[in-house]
Each structure stands twice: as structure tokens, then as C-alpha cells.
Amino acid sequence: MTNTIITTPKIYVSVLTDYNSGILHGAWIDADQSVEDLWQAVHQLYITSNYPNVSATVCNECGHIKLYDHAECSQCSSKDVKTVPSAEEYAVHDYEGFAPFNVSEYDSMEDLAQMAEILSNDSDPEHHALSFLIERGLSLDDIESKLEDVCIFEGSRSDYVEEITEQTGAEIPQYLQYYIDYDKMGRDMEINGEITALERNVFCVNCQEF
């Protein structure tokens, strides 16, 4: 598992009518933008397809593109529109900067934009929390809402047990301290599911809440 965020999340979108005809027609698109802006970038690919199979409406006033024929622009309500040939299907054939998310070929623009938004606010130790929630199989909405609730401890499990023992305020006599096996206590907590190792010396310490 890695905690390195490569770049701003990007997707390579291919137009399927071109791809299925042996022509590579696509582009890298920054995913960290609104869903509408993502769709407009895809629609721009659609209307430049070599193998259009539908039509699209392009506004001469604001440039907004919408699939199929329309009497006016859905963005600015202008009636100064034109109809152009267009494709209508895409696939995500590559991506970068989405770790620890996995992107599938047919992820929706809504999901891709939400992933990118979550990652745009992500930093250590939040990246570890994100990895933990993804491995738990939570939905994107749950991941976004619970991300700040995950408690991450950076250090060994024995360090964690020693820290929480000290926080109880209990005073341990010096002669007994050498007999306390904090690592064994931490191992028992891990076996019991009270803490979860995310990588070496990184633990989620409130994992039972999820």
C-alpha cells in the first residue's frame, strides 16, 4: 500500500465509436472539477469524433454542448444553437492520481468527480484514513462523511498502548514497568479488532466504529 498521491487526479477518456473502429480518439482530462465541466470536456470529444452516430446541440452564445437536438441552450437558454454530428459513449482507458481509489472503465463522471474532490482535501494522515475506509467497502458518500472520524496513530502498537496507558493517569511503580509487555498488549488489541495496522507503524485505533 502506498500513501503517495501522484498528481491532480486525471482520466484518459476514449470515444468508443472511434476506439471500436481502430482509431484512438481521446484526451487526458483533469477530474478535479465540477461534473458539468467534466461532461463538457467529454462532449467536446464526442463532437470531434471520426465516427459520430448521433447529433448534439452546440450553443453559439456560450459554447455549451448537449447531446441530441434541442431548440435552445440548456445552459443560457439562448435559441442561437446549431446541430452537429456527435458520438455518445465513452470509456476511461487510463487514469493517474486516484490512489488509493481504483477507477473502472465505466465509472460515472459523478463518481469520478467525487473521488477527485475527496482526494483534493487528502493529506497524511488522512490518506491512511482514506485507504482504511476504502478497504472497508464503504460507499463514496460514506467515505466522504466519515473521513475525518478515523483516528490514525503513527508509531508502533506498543507505543500506542503505552500512550493510552499513560493517559489513564495510573501511576505504575518503577519496579513493575520492566515487566509490562506493551507489544503483547498491542498484539491482543489487534487480534481483537480494536486497532488495525494500515502499514508499518500506522494504525487505525477506532476501527470498531466503522
Protein backbone atom coordinates (compact mmCIF):
# COMPACT_ATOMS: atom_id res chain seq x y z
CA MET A 1 0.00 0.00 0.00
CA THR A 2 1.28 3.46 -0.83
CA ASN A 3 0.49 6.84 0.60
CA THR A 4 1.87 8.84 -2.30
CA ILE A 5 -0.52 11.00 -4.26
CA ILE A 6 0.94 11.24 -7.76
CA THR A 7 -0.76 14.29 -9.27
CA THR A 8 -4.07 16.01 -9.61
CA PRO A 9 -6.43 13.14 -10.48
CA LYS A 10 -6.72 12.73 -14.26
CA ILE A 11 -8.60 10.37 -16.54
CA TYR A 12 -7.94 9.42 -20.14
CA VAL A 13 -11.31 9.28 -21.88
CA SER A 14 -11.71 7.48 -25.20
CA VAL A 15 -14.69 7.81 -27.53
CA LEU A 16 -15.96 4.28 -28.06
CA THR A 17 -17.18 4.60 -31.65
CA ASP A 18 -13.66 5.62 -32.66
CA TYR A 19 -11.97 3.07 -30.43
CA ASN A 20 -14.11 0.23 -31.76
CA SER A 21 -13.19 1.32 -35.30
CA GLY A 22 -9.47 1.17 -34.53
CA ILE A 23 -8.97 4.92 -34.07
CA LEU A 24 -7.59 6.35 -30.82
CA HIS A 25 -9.64 9.47 -30.19
CA GLY A 26 -9.48 10.71 -26.61
CA ALA A 27 -7.83 13.09 -24.18
CA TRP A 28 -6.49 13.43 -20.64
CA ILE A 29 -8.99 15.35 -18.51
CA ASP A 30 -8.45 16.80 -15.03
CA ALA A 31 -11.03 15.12 -12.81
CA ASP A 32 -10.83 17.73 -10.06
CA GLN A 33 -13.60 19.90 -11.48
CA SER A 34 -17.38 20.02 -11.49
CA VAL A 35 -19.40 17.20 -13.01
CA GLU A 36 -20.76 19.61 -15.61
CA ASP A 37 -17.25 20.66 -16.65
CA LEU A 38 -16.20 17.03 -16.90
CA TRP A 39 -19.15 16.30 -19.15
CA GLN A 40 -18.39 19.30 -21.33
CA ALA A 41 -14.84 18.00 -21.86
CA VAL A 42 -16.28 14.61 -22.85
CA HIS A 43 -18.88 16.20 -25.12
CA GLN A 44 -16.11 18.13 -26.85
CA LEU A 45 -14.56 14.77 -27.68
CA TYR A 46 -17.93 13.50 -28.85
CA ILE A 47 -18.46 16.25 -31.43
CA THR A 48 -14.94 15.78 -32.83
CA SER A 49 -15.41 12.03 -33.26
CA ASN A 50 -14.44 10.45 -36.55
CA TYR A 51 -17.42 8.11 -36.27
CA PRO A 52 -20.43 10.09 -34.99
CA ASN A 53 -23.63 8.14 -34.52
CA VAL A 54 -26.00 10.74 -33.02
CA SER A 55 -26.29 14.52 -33.00
CA ALA A 56 -25.58 17.23 -30.44
CA THR A 57 -26.68 20.82 -29.88
CA VAL A 58 -23.97 23.47 -29.57
CA CYS A 59 -24.80 26.96 -28.30
CA ASN A 60 -23.37 29.77 -30.40
CA GLU A 61 -23.66 32.12 -27.41
CA CYS A 62 -21.91 30.25 -24.58
CA GLY A 63 -20.48 27.19 -26.33
CA HIS A 64 -22.36 24.71 -24.15
CA ILE A 65 -22.76 21.26 -25.70
CA LYS A 66 -25.67 18.91 -25.09
CA LEU A 67 -26.34 15.58 -26.73
CA TYR A 68 -29.18 15.26 -29.22
CA ASP A 69 -31.30 18.03 -30.80
CA HIS A 70 -32.66 20.87 -28.71
CA ALA A 71 -34.41 24.12 -29.61
CA GLU A 72 -32.46 26.16 -27.07
CA CYS A 73 -29.36 26.02 -24.88
CA SER A 74 -29.90 24.29 -21.55
CA GLN A 75 -27.16 26.45 -20.03
CA CYS A 76 -28.06 30.02 -21.04
CA SER A 77 -31.48 29.50 -22.73
CA SER A 78 -30.24 31.04 -25.96
CA LYS A 79 -32.05 29.89 -29.09
CA ASP A 80 -28.94 30.58 -31.16
CA VAL A 81 -27.90 26.94 -31.37
CA LYS A 82 -26.65 24.60 -34.05
CA THR A 83 -26.86 20.86 -34.53
CA VAL A 84 -23.65 18.92 -35.19
CA PRO A 85 -22.73 15.22 -35.57
CA SER A 86 -21.69 13.56 -32.32
CA ALA A 87 -20.77 10.29 -30.65
CA GLU A 88 -22.42 9.32 -27.37
CA GLU A 89 -20.35 6.74 -25.47
CA TYR A 90 -17.02 6.87 -23.65
CA ALA A 91 -14.69 4.65 -21.66
CA VAL A 92 -11.97 5.55 -19.15
CA HIS A 93 -8.91 3.81 -20.57
CA ASP A 94 -6.30 5.20 -18.18
CA TYR A 95 -6.03 7.29 -15.04
CA GLU A 96 -3.50 8.68 -12.59
CA GLY A 97 -3.53 10.36 -9.21
CA PHE A 98 -6.53 8.42 -7.86
CA ALA A 99 -4.71 6.15 -5.38
CA PRO A 100 -5.93 4.57 -3.16
CA PHE A 101 -9.16 4.54 -5.23
CA ASN A 102 -9.49 2.14 -8.12
CA VAL A 103 -11.06 3.56 -11.26
CA SER A 104 -13.04 1.31 -13.59
CA GLU A 105 -13.56 1.70 -17.32
CA TYR A 106 -17.16 2.80 -16.98
CA ASP A 107 -17.17 4.84 -13.76
CA SER A 108 -19.65 7.69 -13.94
CA MET A 109 -18.48 11.29 -14.18
CA GLU A 110 -20.33 11.91 -10.91
CA ASP A 111 -18.29 9.25 -9.08
CA LEU A 112 -15.01 10.37 -10.66
CA ALA A 113 -15.62 13.98 -9.66
CA GLN A 114 -16.47 12.89 -6.10
CA MET A 115 -13.31 10.78 -5.84
CA ALA A 116 -11.23 13.73 -7.06
CA GLU A 117 -12.91 16.08 -4.59
CA ILE A 118 -12.14 13.73 -1.69
CA LEU A 119 -8.52 13.42 -2.82
CA SER A 120 -8.13 17.18 -3.22
CA ASN A 121 -8.58 17.53 0.56
CA ASP A 122 -6.47 14.47 1.35
CA SER A 123 -3.13 14.56 3.15
CA ASP A 124 -1.27 12.44 5.70
CA PRO A 125 -2.58 11.10 7.98
CA GLU A 126 -5.92 11.49 6.16
CA HIS A 127 -4.58 9.40 3.29
CA HIS A 128 -4.24 6.43 5.65
CA ALA A 129 -7.81 7.02 6.82
CA LEU A 130 -8.97 7.07 3.21
CA SER A 131 -7.25 3.75 2.50
CA PHE A 132 -8.86 2.24 5.58
CA LEU A 133 -12.39 3.32 4.59
CA ILE A 134 -11.95 2.10 1.01
CA GLU A 135 -10.84 -1.32 2.25
CA ARG A 136 -13.96 -1.43 4.42
CA GLY A 137 -16.04 -1.24 1.24
CA LEU A 138 -17.89 1.94 2.17
CA SER A 139 -19.74 3.97 -0.46
CA LEU A 140 -18.24 7.21 -1.76
CA ASP A 141 -20.78 9.23 0.24
CA ASP A 142 -19.92 7.36 3.45
CA ILE A 143 -16.20 7.73 2.82
CA GLU A 144 -16.61 11.47 2.36
CA SER A 145 -18.70 11.87 5.51
CA LYS A 146 -16.59 9.61 7.77
CA LEU A 147 -13.09 10.54 6.64
CA GLU A 148 -12.48 12.97 9.49
CA ASP A 149 -13.76 10.47 12.08
CA VAL A 150 -10.97 7.92 11.53
CA CYS A 151 -8.29 8.12 14.23
CA ILE A 152 -4.80 7.37 12.96
CA PHE A 153 -1.84 6.60 15.21
CA GLU A 154 1.65 6.76 13.74
CA GLY A 155 4.04 4.61 15.71
CA SER A 156 4.31 1.00 16.87
CA ARG A 157 1.43 -0.79 18.56
CA SER A 158 3.47 -0.88 21.77
CA ASP A 159 3.88 2.90 21.54
CA TYR A 160 0.11 3.23 21.25
CA VAL A 161 -0.64 1.02 24.24
CA GLU A 162 1.97 2.82 26.34
CA GLU A 163 0.47 6.17 25.37
CA ILE A 164 -3.11 5.25 26.24
CA THR A 165 -1.90 3.65 29.49
CA GLU A 166 -0.21 6.90 30.46
CA GLN A 167 -3.36 8.83 29.54
CA THR A 168 -5.36 6.92 32.15
CA GLY A 169 -3.33 8.68 34.78
CA ALA A 170 -2.48 5.43 36.55
CA GLU A 171 0.96 5.56 38.12
CA ILE A 172 2.95 2.39 37.55
CA PRO A 173 5.71 1.74 40.08
CA GLN A 174 9.19 1.81 38.58
CA TYR A 175 9.94 -1.76 39.60
CA LEU A 176 6.87 -3.03 37.68
CA GLN A 177 7.47 -1.09 34.47
CA TYR A 178 10.07 -3.59 33.27
CA TYR A 179 7.52 -6.42 33.45
CA ILE A 180 4.90 -4.74 31.28
CA ASP A 181 4.82 -6.05 27.71
CA TYR A 182 3.18 -3.25 25.77
CA ASP A 183 3.74 -5.01 22.45
CA LYS A 184 1.90 -8.11 23.64
CA MET A 185 -0.96 -5.91 24.82
CA GLY A 186 -1.00 -4.20 21.45
CA ARG A 187 -0.98 -7.56 19.67
CA ASP A 188 -4.04 -8.62 21.68
CA MET A 189 -5.80 -5.38 20.74
CA GLU A 190 -5.02 -6.06 17.09
CA ILE A 191 -6.30 -9.64 17.31
CA ASN A 192 -9.48 -8.40 18.99
CA GLY A 193 -10.04 -5.87 16.22
CA GLU A 194 -9.58 -2.84 18.47
CA ILE A 195 -6.76 -1.50 16.29
CA THR A 196 -5.91 -2.23 12.66
CA ALA A 197 -2.49 -1.98 11.02
CA LEU A 198 -2.66 0.03 7.80
CA GLU A 199 1.04 -0.22 7.06
CA ARG A 200 4.23 -0.43 9.11
CA ASN A 201 3.82 1.71 12.24
CA VAL A 202 0.50 3.18 11.10
CA PHE A 203 -2.71 2.07 12.85
CA CYS A 204 -6.38 2.93 12.86
CA VAL A 205 -7.23 2.98 16.56
CA ASN A 206 -11.01 3.39 16.43
CA CYS A 207 -11.69 0.84 13.69
CA GLN A 208 -14.57 -0.82 15.52
CA GLU A 209 -16.62 2.33 14.95
CA PHE A 210 -16.70 1.54 11.23
